[in-house]
Protein backbone atom coordinates (compact mmCIF):
# COMPACT_ATOMS: atom_id res chain seq x y z
CA UNK A 1 4.41 2.68 35.53
CA UNK A 2 5.55 -0.25 33.36
CA UNK A 3 8.95 -1.81 33.93
CA UNK A 4 11.53 -0.84 31.33
CA UNK A 5 12.24 -3.71 28.94
CA UNK A 6 15.75 -5.17 29.01
CA UNK A 7 17.76 -4.79 25.81
CA UNK A 8 20.61 -7.06 24.73
CA UNK A 9 24.06 -5.61 25.53
CA UNK A 10 22.46 -2.35 26.66
CA UNK A 11 22.50 -1.06 23.07
CA UNK A 12 20.54 2.06 22.08
CA UNK A 13 16.80 1.26 22.30
CA UNK A 14 16.23 1.62 18.55
CA UNK A 15 18.30 -1.54 17.99
CA UNK A 16 16.24 -3.64 20.38
CA UNK A 17 12.73 -3.29 18.92
CA UNK A 18 10.95 -6.36 17.56
CA UNK A 19 9.52 -4.58 14.53
CA UNK A 20 12.90 -3.57 13.11
CA UNK A 21 15.21 -6.26 14.53
CA UNK A 22 16.57 -8.92 12.20
CA UNK A 23 17.63 -11.12 15.12
CA UNK A 24 15.65 -12.54 18.05
CA UNK A 25 17.27 -13.93 21.19
CA UNK A 26 15.04 -16.23 23.25
CA UNK A 27 16.27 -16.96 26.80
CA UNK A 28 15.22 -20.33 28.24
CA UNK A 29 16.22 -20.44 31.93
CA UNK A 30 15.40 -24.12 32.45
CA UNK A 31 17.29 -26.59 34.62
CA UNK A 32 14.74 -29.29 35.37
CA UNK A 33 16.60 -32.49 34.40
CA UNK A 34 20.30 -31.80 34.99
CA UNK A 35 21.99 -34.54 36.95
CA UNK A 36 25.16 -33.03 38.39
CA UNK A 37 25.99 -29.34 38.90
CA UNK A 38 22.80 -27.27 39.04
CA UNK A 39 22.56 -23.66 37.87
CA UNK A 40 21.95 -23.66 34.11
CA UNK A 41 18.69 -21.81 34.76
CA UNK A 42 20.87 -18.82 35.73
CA UNK A 43 22.81 -19.04 32.47
CA UNK A 44 20.78 -16.56 30.39
CA UNK A 45 20.95 -13.81 33.00
CA UNK A 46 24.69 -14.34 33.45
CA UNK A 47 25.29 -14.18 29.70
CA UNK A 48 23.19 -11.03 29.38
CA UNK A 49 25.01 -9.34 32.26
CA UNK A 50 28.35 -10.16 30.63
CA UNK A 51 27.07 -8.84 27.30
CA UNK A 52 26.30 -5.50 28.95
CA UNK A 53 30.06 -5.19 29.48
CA UNK A 54 31.17 -6.36 26.03
CA UNK A 55 32.70 -4.19 23.32
CA UNK A 56 30.31 -4.27 20.37
CA UNK A 57 32.77 -3.65 17.54
CA UNK A 58 33.96 -7.00 16.18
CA UNK A 59 37.58 -6.58 15.08
CA UNK A 60 37.71 -9.69 12.89
CA UNK A 61 34.74 -8.80 10.71
CA UNK A 62 34.99 -5.01 11.14
CA UNK A 63 31.27 -4.93 11.95
CA UNK A 64 28.84 -3.86 14.64
CA UNK A 65 26.24 -6.57 14.25
CA UNK A 66 23.93 -5.16 16.92
CA UNK A 67 22.94 -2.58 14.29
CA UNK A 68 20.98 -5.31 12.53
CA UNK A 69 18.74 -5.19 15.60
CA UNK A 70 18.67 -7.84 18.34
CA UNK A 71 15.32 -8.26 20.03
CA UNK A 72 15.49 -9.84 23.47
CA UNK A 73 12.32 -11.90 23.73
CA UNK A 74 10.51 -12.71 26.92
CA UNK A 75 12.09 -15.79 28.50
CA UNK A 76 10.40 -19.16 28.14
CA UNK A 77 9.64 -19.96 31.79
CA UNK A 78 7.45 -23.05 31.41
CA UNK A 79 8.78 -25.62 33.88
CA UNK A 80 5.80 -27.75 34.90
CA UNK A 81 7.40 -30.72 33.12
CA UNK A 82 10.25 -31.33 30.66
CA UNK A 83 7.70 -32.11 27.96
CA UNK A 84 5.78 -28.88 28.58
CA UNK A 85 9.02 -26.88 28.44
CA UNK A 86 9.98 -28.48 25.11
CA UNK A 87 6.54 -27.73 23.68
CA UNK A 88 6.78 -24.10 24.84
CA UNK A 89 10.22 -23.63 23.26
CA UNK A 90 8.94 -25.20 20.04
CA UNK A 91 5.98 -22.82 19.92
CA UNK A 92 7.87 -19.63 20.75
CA UNK A 93 10.75 -20.34 18.37
CA UNK A 94 8.31 -21.23 15.59
CA UNK A 95 6.40 -17.99 16.07
CA UNK A 96 9.53 -15.89 15.56
CA UNK A 97 10.73 -17.98 12.61
CA UNK A 98 7.36 -17.33 10.95
CA UNK A 99 7.98 -13.60 11.40
CA UNK A 100 11.11 -13.95 9.27
CA UNK A 101 13.50 -13.32 12.15
CA UNK A 102 16.91 -14.91 12.58
CA UNK A 103 16.10 -16.93 15.68
CA UNK A 104 18.62 -17.75 18.39
CA UNK A 105 18.16 -19.25 21.85
CA UNK A 106 20.20 -19.33 25.04
CA UNK A 107 19.66 -21.92 27.78
CA UNK A 108 19.26 -23.41 30.19
CA UNK A 109 20.18 -27.03 29.96
CA UNK A 110 20.50 -28.93 26.70
CA UNK A 111 16.99 -30.38 26.80
CA UNK A 112 15.73 -27.02 25.49
CA UNK A 113 17.28 -27.95 22.14
CA UNK A 114 14.66 -30.63 21.55
CA UNK A 115 12.13 -27.82 21.16
CA UNK A 116 14.54 -25.62 19.21
CA UNK A 117 15.31 -28.35 16.70
CA UNK A 118 11.64 -29.22 16.23
CA UNK A 119 10.88 -25.60 15.35
CA UNK A 120 13.64 -25.39 12.76
CA UNK A 121 12.76 -28.81 11.35
CA UNK A 122 9.24 -27.54 10.73
CA UNK A 123 10.50 -24.64 8.62
CA UNK A 124 13.72 -25.89 7.02
CA UNK A 125 13.44 -29.29 5.27
CA UNK A 126 16.41 -31.64 5.04
CA UNK A 127 17.93 -30.01 8.09
CA UNK A 128 21.41 -30.69 9.44
CA UNK A 129 21.77 -30.50 13.21
CA UNK A 130 25.39 -29.67 13.96
CA UNK A 131 26.02 -30.46 17.62
CA UNK A 132 29.13 -29.19 19.40
CA UNK A 133 29.24 -31.03 22.71
CA UNK A 134 31.29 -33.12 25.10
CA UNK A 135 28.46 -35.65 25.36
CA UNK A 136 26.50 -37.61 22.76
CA UNK A 137 23.09 -36.93 24.38
CA UNK A 138 21.63 -39.86 22.45
CA UNK A 139 19.62 -41.65 25.12
CA UNK A 140 16.05 -42.35 23.93
CA UNK A 141 14.83 -41.64 27.47
CA UNK A 142 16.46 -40.94 30.82
CA UNK A 143 15.09 -40.62 34.34
CA UNK A 144 11.54 -41.18 33.15
CA UNK A 145 11.36 -38.72 30.24
CA UNK A 146 12.34 -38.42 26.58
CA UNK A 147 12.98 -34.72 27.20
CA UNK A 148 15.97 -35.09 29.50
CA UNK A 149 19.22 -33.23 28.79
CA UNK A 150 20.79 -36.65 28.08
CA UNK A 151 18.25 -37.09 25.25
CA UNK A 152 18.86 -33.70 23.62
CA UNK A 153 19.63 -34.96 20.11
CA UNK A 154 18.19 -38.46 20.08
CA UNK A 155 15.18 -37.31 18.06
CA UNK A 156 17.48 -35.42 15.69
CA UNK A 157 19.51 -38.58 15.14
CA UNK A 158 16.39 -40.24 13.72
CA UNK A 159 14.82 -37.32 11.86
CA UNK A 160 17.68 -35.04 10.77
CA UNK A 161 21.23 -35.15 9.47
CA UNK A 162 22.99 -35.14 12.85
CA UNK A 163 26.71 -34.36 12.98
CA UNK A 164 28.45 -34.47 16.37
CA UNK A 165 31.70 -32.67 17.16
CA UNK A 166 33.84 -32.65 20.30
CA UNK A 167 32.42 -35.82 21.83
CA UNK A 168 34.43 -37.33 24.68
CA UNK A 169 31.86 -38.82 27.05
CA UNK A 170 29.02 -41.28 26.49
CA UNK A 171 27.24 -44.35 27.80
CA UNK A 172 27.75 -47.62 25.93
CA UNK A 173 23.99 -47.84 25.38
CA UNK A 174 24.21 -44.82 23.10
CA UNK A 175 26.50 -46.56 20.62
CA UNK A 176 23.58 -48.04 18.68
CA UNK A 177 22.29 -44.54 17.96
CA UNK A 178 25.66 -43.02 17.00
CA UNK A 179 26.83 -42.68 13.39
CA UNK A 180 30.64 -43.06 13.44
CA UNK A 181 31.13 -41.38 10.05
CA UNK A 182 29.37 -38.27 11.36
CA UNK A 183 30.99 -38.19 14.80
CA UNK A 184 34.18 -36.21 15.43
CA UNK A 185 35.59 -37.34 18.75
CA UNK A 186 37.59 -34.83 20.76
CA UNK A 187 40.62 -37.10 21.12
CA UNK A 188 40.88 -37.14 17.33
CA UNK A 189 40.64 -33.39 16.79
CA UNK A 190 41.45 -31.43 19.97
CA UNK A 191 44.89 -29.91 20.17
CA UNK A 192 45.88 -30.78 16.61
CA UNK A 193 47.14 -28.12 14.19
CA UNK A 194 45.58 -30.08 11.32
CA UNK A 195 42.13 -28.58 10.71
CA UNK A 196 41.19 -30.67 7.67
CA UNK A 197 38.49 -32.27 9.83
CA UNK A 198 36.60 -28.98 9.77
CA UNK A 199 36.11 -29.21 6.02
CA UNK A 200 34.99 -32.80 6.48
CA UNK A 201 32.30 -31.55 8.86
CA UNK A 202 31.20 -28.94 6.32
CA UNK A 203 31.06 -31.51 3.53
CA UNK A 204 28.71 -33.70 5.59
CA UNK A 205 26.23 -30.87 6.14
CA UNK A 206 23.15 -30.21 4.06
CA UNK A 207 22.51 -26.65 2.89
CA UNK A 208 20.56 -25.58 6.01
CA UNK A 209 22.09 -26.10 9.43
CA UNK A 210 20.80 -25.65 12.95
CA UNK A 211 23.80 -25.25 15.24
CA UNK A 212 23.50 -26.34 18.86
CA UNK A 213 26.45 -25.58 21.12
CA UNK A 214 26.70 -27.13 24.55
CA UNK A 215 29.34 -25.03 26.26
CA UNK A 216 30.98 -28.14 27.70
CA UNK A 217 32.40 -28.68 24.21
CA UNK A 218 35.09 -26.27 25.38
CA UNK A 219 37.94 -27.55 27.46
CA UNK A 220 37.37 -26.56 31.11
CA UNK A 221 40.56 -24.50 30.90
CA UNK A 222 38.61 -22.16 28.61
CA UNK A 223 35.16 -22.53 30.15
CA UNK A 224 34.88 -24.17 33.58
CA UNK A 225 31.39 -22.79 34.25
CA UNK A 226 29.21 -25.59 32.96
CA UNK A 227 27.18 -28.33 34.59
CA UNK A 228 29.17 -31.32 33.31
CA UNK A 229 32.75 -30.23 32.51
CA UNK A 230 34.87 -32.77 30.66
CA UNK A 231 38.66 -32.54 30.17
CA UNK A 232 40.09 -32.60 26.67
CA UNK A 233 37.76 -30.20 24.92
CA UNK A 234 38.09 -27.68 22.12
CA UNK A 235 39.50 -24.17 22.26
CA UNK A 236 37.65 -20.94 21.56
CA UNK A 237 39.31 -20.45 18.18
CA UNK A 238 38.81 -24.06 17.13
CA UNK A 239 35.06 -23.60 17.58
CA UNK A 240 35.08 -20.28 15.74
CA UNK A 241 37.18 -21.66 12.88
CA UNK A 242 34.80 -24.59 12.50
CA UNK A 243 31.83 -22.24 12.28
CA UNK A 244 33.58 -20.11 9.66
CA UNK A 245 34.54 -23.16 7.63
CA UNK A 246 30.97 -24.41 7.59
CA UNK A 247 29.59 -20.98 6.71
CA UNK A 248 31.75 -20.78 3.58
CA UNK A 249 29.51 -23.24 1.76
CA UNK A 250 26.46 -23.82 3.95
CA UNK A 251 23.88 -21.72 5.80
CA UNK A 252 23.40 -21.72 9.56
CA UNK A 253 19.69 -20.88 9.78
CA UNK A 254 19.68 -20.49 13.55
CA UNK A 255 21.40 -21.66 16.69
CA UNK A 256 21.20 -22.20 20.40
CA UNK A 257 23.82 -22.11 23.14
CA UNK A 258 23.23 -24.08 26.32
CA UNK A 259 24.61 -25.28 29.66
CA UNK A 260 26.24 -22.15 31.05
CA UNK A 261 26.34 -22.73 34.80
CA UNK A 262 27.55 -19.44 36.32
CA UNK A 263 29.21 -18.98 39.69
CA UNK A 264 28.15 -16.62 42.43
CA UNK A 265 30.06 -13.77 40.80
CA UNK A 266 30.49 -12.80 37.13
CA UNK A 267 33.39 -14.70 35.58
CA UNK A 268 35.21 -15.61 32.38
CA UNK A 269 32.79 -18.40 31.47
CA UNK A 270 29.91 -15.91 31.32
CA UNK A 271 31.94 -13.57 29.16
CA UNK A 272 33.08 -16.33 26.80
CA UNK A 273 29.44 -17.33 26.33
CA UNK A 274 28.37 -13.78 25.50
CA UNK A 275 31.35 -13.28 23.19
CA UNK A 276 30.61 -16.56 21.42
CA UNK A 277 27.00 -15.53 20.88
CA UNK A 278 28.03 -12.18 19.42
CA UNK A 279 30.76 -13.73 17.24
CA UNK A 280 28.27 -16.15 15.69
CA UNK A 281 26.03 -13.23 14.77
CA UNK A 282 28.99 -11.24 13.47
CA UNK A 283 29.91 -14.06 11.11
CA UNK A 284 26.31 -14.58 10.04
CA UNK A 285 25.73 -10.95 9.08
CA UNK A 286 29.22 -9.90 7.97
CA UNK A 287 29.17 -8.28 4.54
CA UNK A 288 25.54 -7.22 4.88
CA UNK A 289 25.96 -3.49 5.15
CA UNK A 290 27.59 -3.54 8.56
CA UNK A 291 31.23 -2.92 7.79
CA UNK A 292 32.72 0.03 9.61
CA UNK A 293 34.63 2.31 7.26
CA UNK A 294 38.02 3.44 8.50
CA UNK A 295 39.77 6.61 7.37
């Protein structure tokens, strides 16, 4: 007897079938190059467990986005080398993009995004990579590989329109690869009621955007469960408001979320990650036949 296939958020089976789903979620439980707190390989399972306990009606958009269909793909488990993992992510993501699906990924450490970005670059020319992160991740190579988590967006900095938001930690060697006009440091934006910087981010984006969110962009007070927590990060609503601002004029063609490092028991970091994932989908598909009519 075959094992029953897992479905995102334990929704009715008809909303989790590949043929009818508009959305694909690719888990990538990889943690091969992290250099401090290990455990990002357990991130996808922790997020999915939290999602099973999440209310699926989004109050803000008055939608139930799961009804667009969310197919939970088989996880990318290639871990023979960082390079092989990146190639596998690239291939799998590309295959689903070619099917016309709205492709999303959940890591795993940030090195998975090298493969994610390559896939979207192949299919969406003049791509903006919008990186929400505590760290620049601009090292050309680190610890013997160009596919280290510290190198996550180096390639994007040379091939795409890279915009970095929430940065508050970096090595001086990365300065030569950083574009100050497209970098929004956390000390300049975190905790301020003035959100004009969000429109500045949107204005710098090209029409098509791949969004990569390292969960350490959040202040540890909101999300402590990550491999490299940094004080002074953004709040949950700052991140959501930025996404909404960008979506007003530009198109987020796909996204990944990385670096959830769960504890031994389910906790608020896992739930924030699952809620963030669902909110991004709710914004993306709001107004597309999903609104719940109230009496």
